C-alpha atoms as a PDB file:
ATOM      1  CA  LYS A   1      14.805 -24.961 -17.081  1.00  0.00           C
ATOM      2  CA  THR A   2      16.464 -22.455 -19.422  1.00  0.00           C
ATOM      3  CA  HIS A   3      19.981 -22.838 -18.306  1.00  0.00           C
ATOM      4  CA  LEU A   4      20.314 -18.983 -17.917  1.00  0.00           C
ATOM      5  CA  PRO A   5      21.315 -16.938 -14.811  1.00  0.00           C
ATOM      6  CA  VAL A   6      18.274 -15.912 -12.692  1.00  0.00           C
ATOM      7  CA  TRP A   7      19.432 -12.672 -11.465  1.00  0.00           C
ATOM      8  CA  PRO A   8      19.196 -10.769 -14.998  1.00  0.00           C
ATOM      9  CA  ASP A   9      15.555 -11.992 -15.300  1.00  0.00           C
ATOM     10  CA  ILE A  10      14.663 -10.590 -11.933  1.00  0.00           C
ATOM     11  CA  THR A  11      16.380  -7.236 -12.394  1.00  0.00           C
ATOM     12  CA  SER A  12      14.657  -6.924 -15.827  1.00  0.00           C
ATOM     13  CA  ARG A  13      11.267  -7.286 -14.055  1.00  0.00           C
ATOM     14  CA  MET A  14      12.075  -5.192 -10.835  1.00  0.00           C
ATOM     15  CA  SER A  15      11.092  -1.923 -12.382  1.00  0.00           C
ATOM     16  CA  ILE A  16       7.603  -2.944 -13.046  1.00  0.00           C
ATOM     17  CA  THR A  17       7.112  -4.399  -9.584  1.00  0.00           C
ATOM     18  CA  VAL A  18       8.773  -1.205  -7.938  1.00  0.00           C
ATOM     19  CA  SER A  19       6.459   1.063 -10.026  1.00  0.00           C
ATOM     20  CA  LEU A  20       3.372  -0.988  -9.020  1.00  0.00           C
ATOM     21  CA  ALA A  21       4.157  -1.237  -5.175  1.00  0.00           C
ATOM     22  CA  ILE A  22       5.443   2.461  -4.837  1.00  0.00           C
ATOM     23  CA  GLY A  23       2.595   3.996  -6.644  1.00  0.00           C
ATOM     24  CA  ALA A  24      -0.213   1.918  -4.941  1.00  0.00           C
ATOM     25  CA  ALA A  25       1.491   2.604  -1.645  1.00  0.00           C
ATOM     26  CA  VAL A  26       1.412   6.308  -1.942  1.00  0.00           C
ATOM     27  CA  ILE A  27      -2.377   6.139  -2.881  1.00  0.00           C
ATOM     28  CA  TRP A  28      -3.358   3.736  -0.179  1.00  0.00           C
ATOM     29  CA  LEU A  29      -1.222   5.461   2.609  1.00  0.00           C
ATOM     30  CA  ILE A  30      -2.555   9.000   1.910  1.00  0.00           C
ATOM     31  CA  SER A  31      -6.326   8.218   1.290  1.00  0.00           C
ATOM     32  CA  GLY A  32      -6.274   5.600   4.002  1.00  0.00           C
ATOM     33  CA  VAL A  33      -4.864   7.755   6.747  1.00  0.00           C
ATOM     34  CA  LEU A  34      -6.839  10.704   5.596  1.00  0.00           C
ATOM     35  CA  ILE A  35     -10.290   8.920   5.585  1.00  0.00           C
ATOM     36  CA  GLY A  36      -9.337   7.252   8.934  1.00  0.00           C
ATOM     37  CA  VAL A  37      -8.431  10.696  10.526  1.00  0.00           C
ATOM     38  CA  ILE A  38     -11.754  12.311   9.404  1.00  0.00           C
ATOM     39  CA  SER A  39     -13.779   9.349  10.392  1.00  0.00           C
ATOM     40  CA  GLY A  40     -12.219   9.264  13.733  1.00  0.00           C
ATOM     41  CA  LEU A  41     -12.854  13.051  14.341  1.00  0.00           C
ATOM     42  CA  ARG A  42     -16.416  12.712  13.227  1.00  0.00           C
ATOM     43  CA  ARG A  43     -17.622   9.603  14.805  1.00  0.00           C
ATOM     44  CA  GLY A  44     -21.046   8.635  14.138  1.00  0.00           C
ATOM     45  CA  SER A  45     -21.500  11.110  11.266  1.00  0.00           C
ATOM     46  CA  PHE A  46     -22.717  10.350   7.626  1.00  0.00           C
ATOM     47  CA  PHE A  47     -19.089  10.507   6.382  1.00  0.00           C
ATOM     48  CA  ASP A  48     -18.008   8.001   9.040  1.00  0.00           C
ATOM     49  CA  ARG A  49     -20.545   5.370   8.348  1.00  0.00           C
ATOM     50  CA  PHE A  50     -20.423   5.988   4.452  1.00  0.00           C
ATOM     51  CA  SER A  51     -16.503   5.582   4.444  1.00  0.00           C
ATOM     52  CA  MET A  52     -16.386   2.775   6.865  1.00  0.00           C
ATOM     53  CA  GLY A  53     -18.973   1.014   4.808  1.00  0.00           C
ATOM     54  CA  ILE A  54     -16.731   1.331   1.784  1.00  0.00           C
ATOM     55  CA  ALA A  55     -13.808   0.093   3.762  1.00  0.00           C
ATOM     56  CA  LEU A  56     -15.650  -2.865   4.789  1.00  0.00           C
ATOM     57  CA  ALA A  57     -16.341  -3.670   1.002  1.00  0.00           C
ATOM     58  CA  GLY A  58     -12.410  -2.782   0.253  1.00  0.00           C
ATOM     59  CA  VAL A  59     -11.321  -5.435   2.992  1.00  0.00           C
ATOM     60  CA  SER A  60     -13.814  -8.054   1.880  1.00  0.00           C
ATOM     61  CA  LEU A  61     -13.277  -7.777  -1.941  1.00  0.00           C
ATOM     62  CA  PRO A  62     -10.219  -9.589  -3.368  1.00  0.00           C
ATOM     63  CA  ILE A  63      -7.889  -7.908  -5.811  1.00  0.00           C
ATOM     64  CA  PHE A  64      -8.467 -10.310  -8.666  1.00  0.00           C
ATOM     65  CA  PHE A  65     -12.310  -9.257  -8.300  1.00  0.00           C
ATOM     66  CA  THR A  66     -11.768  -5.524  -8.131  1.00  0.00           C
ATOM     67  CA  GLY A  67      -9.163  -5.726 -10.978  1.00  0.00           C
ATOM     68  CA  LEU A  68     -11.409  -7.641 -13.382  1.00  0.00           C
ATOM     69  CA  ILE A  69     -14.179  -5.216 -12.601  1.00  0.00           C
ATOM     70  CA  LEU A  70     -12.089  -2.216 -13.482  1.00  0.00           C
ATOM     71  CA  GLN A  71     -10.801  -3.822 -16.670  1.00  0.00           C
ATOM     72  CA  ALA A  72     -14.336  -4.729 -17.609  1.00  0.00           C
ATOM     73  CA  LEU A  73     -15.466  -1.206 -17.093  1.00  0.00           C
ATOM     74  CA  PHE A  74     -12.581   0.956 -18.420  1.00  0.00           C
ATOM     75  CA  LYS A  75     -11.036  -1.382 -20.786  1.00  0.00           C
ATOM     76  CA  TYR A  76     -13.951  -2.759 -22.653  1.00  0.00           C
ATOM     77  CA  LYS A  77     -17.152  -0.940 -21.820  1.00  0.00           C
ATOM     78  CA  TRP A  78     -15.582   2.537 -21.650  1.00  0.00           C
ATOM     79  CA  PRO A  79     -12.245   1.974 -23.465  1.00  0.00           C
ATOM     80  CA  VAL A  80     -10.306   4.681 -21.652  1.00  0.00           C
ATOM     81  CA  TRP A  81      -7.304   2.153 -20.895  1.00  0.00           C
ATOM     82  CA  LYS A  82      -7.747   0.308 -24.309  1.00  0.00           C
ATOM     83  CA  HIS A  83      -3.998  -0.637 -24.642  1.00  0.00           C
ATOM     84  CA  LEU A  84      -3.008  -1.529 -21.150  1.00  0.00           C
ATOM     85  CA  ARG A  85       0.546  -2.067 -21.113  1.00  0.00           C
ATOM     86  CA  TYR A  86       3.548  -1.090 -19.032  1.00  0.00           C
ATOM     87  CA  VAL A  87       5.755   1.683 -20.336  1.00  0.00           C
ATOM     88  CA  PRO A  88       9.056   2.489 -18.727  1.00  0.00           C
ATOM     89  CA  ILE A  89       9.256   5.871 -16.854  1.00  0.00           C
ATOM     90  CA  THR A  90      12.346   6.670 -18.611  1.00  0.00           C
ATOM     91  CA  ASP A  91      10.774   6.504 -21.982  1.00  0.00           C
ATOM     92  CA  ASN A  92       7.449   8.399 -21.364  1.00  0.00           C
ATOM     93  CA  PRO A  93       6.670   9.362 -17.545  1.00  0.00           C
ATOM     94  CA  GLY A  94       2.918  10.503 -18.430  1.00  0.00           C
ATOM     95  CA  GLN A  95       2.205   7.243 -20.302  1.00  0.00           C
ATOM     96  CA  TRP A  96       3.851   5.230 -17.476  1.00  0.00           C
ATOM     97  CA  ALA A  97       1.751   6.709 -14.883  1.00  0.00           C
ATOM     98  CA  PHE A  98      -1.393   6.583 -17.063  1.00  0.00           C
ATOM     99  CA  ASN A  99      -1.112   2.925 -17.842  1.00  0.00           C
ATOM    100  CA  LEU A 100      -0.562   2.063 -14.132  1.00  0.00           C
ATOM    101  CA  ILE A 101      -3.559   3.906 -12.879  1.00  0.00           C
ATOM    102  CA  LEU A 102      -6.011   0.869 -12.775  1.00  0.00           C
ATOM    103  CA  PRO A 103      -3.382  -1.581 -11.229  1.00  0.00           C
ATOM    104  CA  TRP A 104      -2.756   1.117  -8.575  1.00  0.00           C
ATOM    105  CA  ILE A 105      -6.233   1.699  -7.844  1.00  0.00           C
ATOM    106  CA  SER A 106      -7.048  -2.082  -7.573  1.00  0.00           C
ATOM    107  CA  LEU A 107      -4.091  -2.860  -5.356  1.00  0.00           C
ATOM    108  CA  ALA A 108      -4.551   0.346  -3.129  1.00  0.00           C
ATOM    109  CA  PHE A 109      -8.334  -0.249  -2.642  1.00  0.00           C
ATOM    110  CA  LEU A 110      -7.860  -3.166  -0.406  1.00  0.00           C
ATOM    111  CA  TYR A 111      -4.874  -1.731   1.693  1.00  0.00           C
ATOM    112  CA  ALA A 112      -6.547   1.782   1.864  1.00  0.00           C
ATOM    113  CA  ALA A 113      -9.713   0.315   3.306  1.00  0.00           C
ATOM    114  CA  LEU A 114      -7.506  -1.470   6.069  1.00  0.00           C
ATOM    115  CA  TYR A 115      -5.499   1.592   6.780  1.00  0.00           C
ATOM    116  CA  ALA A 116      -8.630   3.860   7.190  1.00  0.00           C
ATOM    117  CA  ARG A 117     -10.173   1.331   9.739  1.00  0.00           C
ATOM    118  CA  LEU A 118      -6.967   1.071  11.678  1.00  0.00           C
ATOM    119  CA  THR A 119      -6.280   4.860  11.625  1.00  0.00           C
ATOM    120  CA  ARG A 120      -9.919   5.598  12.776  1.00  0.00           C
ATOM    121  CA  ALA A 121      -9.620   3.087  15.689  1.00  0.00           C
ATOM    122  CA  GLY A 122      -6.073   4.731  16.639  1.00  0.00           C
ATOM    123  CA  MET A 123      -7.541   8.327  16.189  1.00  0.00           C
ATOM    124  CA  LEU A 124     -10.488   7.354  18.665  1.00  0.00           C
ATOM    125  CA  GLU A 125      -8.246   5.973  21.309  1.00  0.00           C
ATOM    126  CA  ALA A 126      -5.654   8.611  21.012  1.00  0.00           C
ATOM    127  CA  MET A 127      -8.112  11.557  21.207  1.00  0.00           C
ATOM    128  CA  SER A 128      -9.575  10.127  24.480  1.00  0.00           C
ATOM    129  CA  GLU A 129      -6.332  10.222  26.172  1.00  0.00           C
ATOM    130  CA  ASP A 130      -5.369  12.643  29.067  1.00  0.00           C
ATOM    131  CA  TYR A 131      -2.551  14.330  27.088  1.00  0.00           C
ATOM    132  CA  ILE A 132      -5.127  15.618  24.508  1.00  0.00           C
ATOM    133  CA  ARG A 133      -7.220  17.063  27.093  1.00  0.00           C
ATOM    134  CA  THR A 134      -3.981  18.641  28.608  1.00  0.00           C
ATOM    135  CA  ALA A 135      -3.041  20.049  25.239  1.00  0.00           C
ATOM    136  CA  ARG A 136      -6.364  21.648  24.762  1.00  0.00           C
ATOM    137  CA  ALA A 137      -6.475  22.912  28.318  1.00  0.00           C
ATOM    138  CA  LYS A 138      -3.092  24.823  27.376  1.00  0.00           C
ATOM    139  CA  GLY A 139      -4.913  26.528  24.637  1.00  0.00           C
ATOM    140  CA  LEU A 140      -3.315  24.842  21.637  1.00  0.00           C
ATOM    141  CA  PRO A 141      -5.101  25.230  18.231  1.00  0.00           C
ATOM    142  CA  GLU A 142      -7.151  22.184  17.521  1.00  0.00           C
ATOM    143  CA  ARG A 143      -5.204  21.633  14.373  1.00  0.00           C
ATOM    144  CA  VAL A 144      -1.995  21.323  16.467  1.00  0.00           C
ATOM    145  CA  VAL A 145      -3.705  19.013  18.884  1.00  0.00           C
ATOM    146  CA  ILE A 146      -4.898  16.744  16.189  1.00  0.00           C
ATOM    147  CA  ILE A 147      -1.541  16.575  14.102  1.00  0.00           C
ATOM    148  CA  ARG A 148       0.996  16.846  16.683  1.00  0.00           C
ATOM    149  CA  HIS A 149      -0.407  14.782  19.380  1.00  0.00           C
ATOM    150  CA  GLY A 150      -3.421  12.671  18.174  1.00  0.00           C
ATOM    151  CA  LEU A 151      -2.159  11.758  14.689  1.00  0.00           C
ATOM    152  CA  ARG A 152       1.466  10.922  15.825  1.00  0.00           C
ATOM    153  CA  ALA A 153       0.114   8.440  18.406  1.00  0.00           C
ATOM    154  CA  ALA A 154      -2.214   6.772  15.942  1.00  0.00           C
ATOM    155  CA  LEU A 155       0.450   6.307  13.141  1.00  0.00           C
ATOM    156  CA  THR A 156       2.661   4.097  15.079  1.00  0.00           C
ATOM    157  CA  PRO A 157       0.708   0.706  14.198  1.00  0.00           C
ATOM    158  CA  ILE A 158       0.170   2.065  10.673  1.00  0.00           C
ATOM    159  CA  LEU A 159       3.896   2.550  10.241  1.00  0.00           C
ATOM    160  CA  THR A 160       4.632  -0.954  11.418  1.00  0.00           C
ATOM    161  CA  ILE A 161       2.198  -2.623   8.886  1.00  0.00           C
ATOM    162  CA  PHE A 162       3.239  -0.347   6.158  1.00  0.00           C
ATOM    163  CA  GLY A 163       6.531  -1.509   6.184  1.00  0.00           C
ATOM    164  CA  LEU A 164       5.525  -4.999   6.092  1.00  0.00           C
ATOM    165  CA  ASP A 165       3.176  -4.527   3.353  1.00  0.00           C
ATOM    166  CA  LEU A 166       5.394  -2.547   1.101  1.00  0.00           C
ATOM    167  CA  GLY A 167       8.400  -4.975   1.669  1.00  0.00           C
ATOM    168  CA  LEU A 168       6.096  -7.913   0.831  1.00  0.00           C
ATOM    169  CA  LEU A 169       4.805  -6.081  -2.409  1.00  0.00           C
ATOM    170  CA  LEU A 170       8.363  -5.372  -3.498  1.00  0.00           C
ATOM    171  CA  GLY A 171       9.055  -8.964  -3.427  1.00  0.00           C
ATOM    172  CA  GLY A 172       6.170  -9.473  -5.958  1.00  0.00           C
ATOM    173  CA  ALA A 173       2.579  -8.306  -6.096  1.00  0.00           C
ATOM    174  CA  VAL A 174       1.494 -11.700  -7.575  1.00  0.00           C
ATOM    175  CA  ILE A 175      -2.272 -11.355  -7.913  1.00  0.00           C
ATOM    176  CA  THR A 176      -2.204  -7.831  -9.317  1.00  0.00           C
ATOM    177  CA  GLU A 177       0.514  -8.618 -11.888  1.00  0.00           C
ATOM    178  CA  GLN A 178      -1.360 -11.705 -13.134  1.00  0.00           C
ATOM    179  CA  VAL A 179      -4.656 -10.011 -13.511  1.00  0.00           C
ATOM    180  CA  PHE A 180      -3.197  -6.900 -15.347  1.00  0.00           C
ATOM    181  CA  SER A 181      -0.643  -9.100 -17.240  1.00  0.00           C
ATOM    182  CA  LEU A 182       2.273  -7.185 -15.872  1.00  0.00           C
ATOM    183  CA  LYS A 183       5.654  -9.079 -16.357  1.00  0.00           C
ATOM    184  CA  GLY A 184       6.954  -8.244 -13.017  1.00  0.00           C
ATOM    185  CA  VAL A 185       8.608 -10.327 -10.221  1.00  0.00           C
ATOM    186  CA  GLY A 186       5.160 -11.724  -9.134  1.00  0.00           C
ATOM    187  CA  GLN A 187       4.271 -13.024 -12.548  1.00  0.00           C
ATOM    188  CA  TYR A 188       7.763 -14.513 -12.822  1.00  0.00           C
ATOM    189  CA  ALA A 189       7.184 -16.287  -9.476  1.00  0.00           C
ATOM    190  CA  VAL A 190       3.804 -17.756 -10.785  1.00  0.00           C
ATOM    191  CA  GLN A 191       5.598 -19.042 -13.891  1.00  0.00           C
ATOM    192  CA  ALA A 192       8.271 -20.461 -11.932  1.00  0.00           C
ATOM    193  CA  ILE A 193       6.150 -22.337  -9.644  1.00  0.00           C
ATOM    194  CA  ALA A 194       4.068 -23.595 -12.659  1.00  0.00           C
ATOM    195  CA  ASN A 195       7.118 -24.894 -14.275  1.00  0.00           C
ATOM    196  CA  ASN A 196       8.569 -26.342 -11.245  1.00  0.00           C
ATOM    197  CA  ASP A 197      11.654 -24.200 -11.648  1.00  0.00           C
ATOM    198  CA  LEU A 198      13.345 -24.220  -8.301  1.00  0.00           C
ATOM    199  CA  PRO A 199      16.197 -21.599  -8.801  1.00  0.00           C
ATOM    200  CA  LYS A 200      13.675 -19.020  -9.853  1.00  0.00           C
ATOM    201  CA  ILE A 201      11.439 -19.833  -6.727  1.00  0.00           C
ATOM    202  CA  LEU A 202      14.419 -19.513  -4.501  1.00  0.00           C
ATOM    203  CA  ALA A 203      15.592 -16.350  -5.808  1.00  0.00           C
ATOM    204  CA  VAL A 204      12.160 -14.666  -5.672  1.00  0.00           C
ATOM    205  CA  THR A 205      11.886 -15.833  -2.034  1.00  0.00           C
ATOM    206  CA  MET A 206      15.302 -14.499  -1.116  1.00  0.00           C
ATOM    207  CA  LEU A 207      14.271 -11.200  -2.766  1.00  0.00           C
ATOM    208  CA  ALA A 208      11.051 -11.002  -0.761  1.00  0.00           C
ATOM    209  CA  ALA A 209      12.676 -11.734   2.375  1.00  0.00           C
ATOM    210  CA  PHE A 210      15.312  -9.058   1.784  1.00  0.00           C
ATOM    211  CA  PHE A 211      12.925  -6.183   1.108  1.00  0.00           C
ATOM    212  CA  ILE A 212      10.842  -7.316   4.302  1.00  0.00           C
ATOM    213  CA  VAL A 213      13.795  -7.263   6.457  1.00  0.00           C
ATOM    214  CA  LEU A 214      14.948  -3.795   4.962  1.00  0.00           C
ATOM    215  CA  ALA A 215      11.432  -2.342   5.467  1.00  0.00           C
ATOM    216  CA  ASN A 216      11.472  -3.484   9.112  1.00  0.00           C
ATOM    217  CA  MET A 217      14.827  -1.836   9.745  1.00  0.00           C
ATOM    218  CA  VAL A 218      13.549   1.400   8.067  1.00  0.00           C
ATOM    219  CA  VAL A 219      10.458   1.209  10.100  1.00  0.00           C
ATOM    220  CA  ASP A 220      12.353   0.809  13.322  1.00  0.00           C
ATOM    221  CA  ILE A 221      14.566   3.945  12.480  1.00  0.00           C
ATOM    222  CA  LEU A 222      11.294   5.943  11.864  1.00  0.00           C
ATOM    223  CA  TYR A 223       9.744   5.165  15.033  1.00  0.00           C
ATOM    224  CA  ALA A 224      11.835   7.724  16.762  1.00  0.00           C
ATOM    225  CA  ALA A 225      10.534  10.418  14.234  1.00  0.00           C
ATOM    226  CA  VAL A 226       6.871   9.467  14.732  1.00  0.00           C
ATOM    227  CA  ASP A 227       6.546   8.404  18.314  1.00  0.00           C
ATOM    228  CA  PRO A 228       8.179  10.911  20.755  1.00  0.00           C
ATOM    229  CA  ARG A 229       8.119   8.192  23.387  1.00  0.00           C
ATOM    230  CA  VAL A 230      10.653   6.245  21.518  1.00  0.00           C
ATOM    231  CA  ARG A 231      14.379   7.172  21.723  1.00  0.00           C
ATOM    232  CA  TYR A 232      17.452   5.447  20.628  1.00  0.00           C
ATOM    233  CA  SER A 233      20.658   6.054  22.556  1.00  0.00           C
END
């Protein structure tokens, strides 16, 4: 439509999308795995029931709902983030992180809930295996049994979906960027579709495919570090 090269447009927006995806991924991975591990070890407790209830809400609520609620509360009712706009990390690292907190939370809430449920299920299964009882019978400390034996086995499926989720988001967090008016690759794709601009659509599609393939390759390599049963010759 504009008769301009597509690649410079995408590269100028990549910093926004990468900042959004990486920051949210760190939040949802740490919080989701931590909550899932504690819930799996304390099955049936108040923390388990409460956290899984929150996780069920997180899985059920779409990003455009939680994003608008967060903006209504913290941008308008309590104007903590009154001027919500992207600031490059090279200009002001503190302002960069501060202005991305709401998008990070909105995006991470959905994924953290899913990861917490998956981690809990993995921990329940792993901690009931024979090798866990053998490790305890050898006199290993409970912390070592949980981290080195139980958690490593439970992290294998988490690692798989994490690579796919992160790769997909690096190709454009469409809904989050639209809700928070972030001019990243996702918003670029939405505008391209609305304008029926095929070269832009193809470019975003190829970029997303590249990140998904790259993430899958990295995940396959990391399997050997996480799961001791996997070895590459």
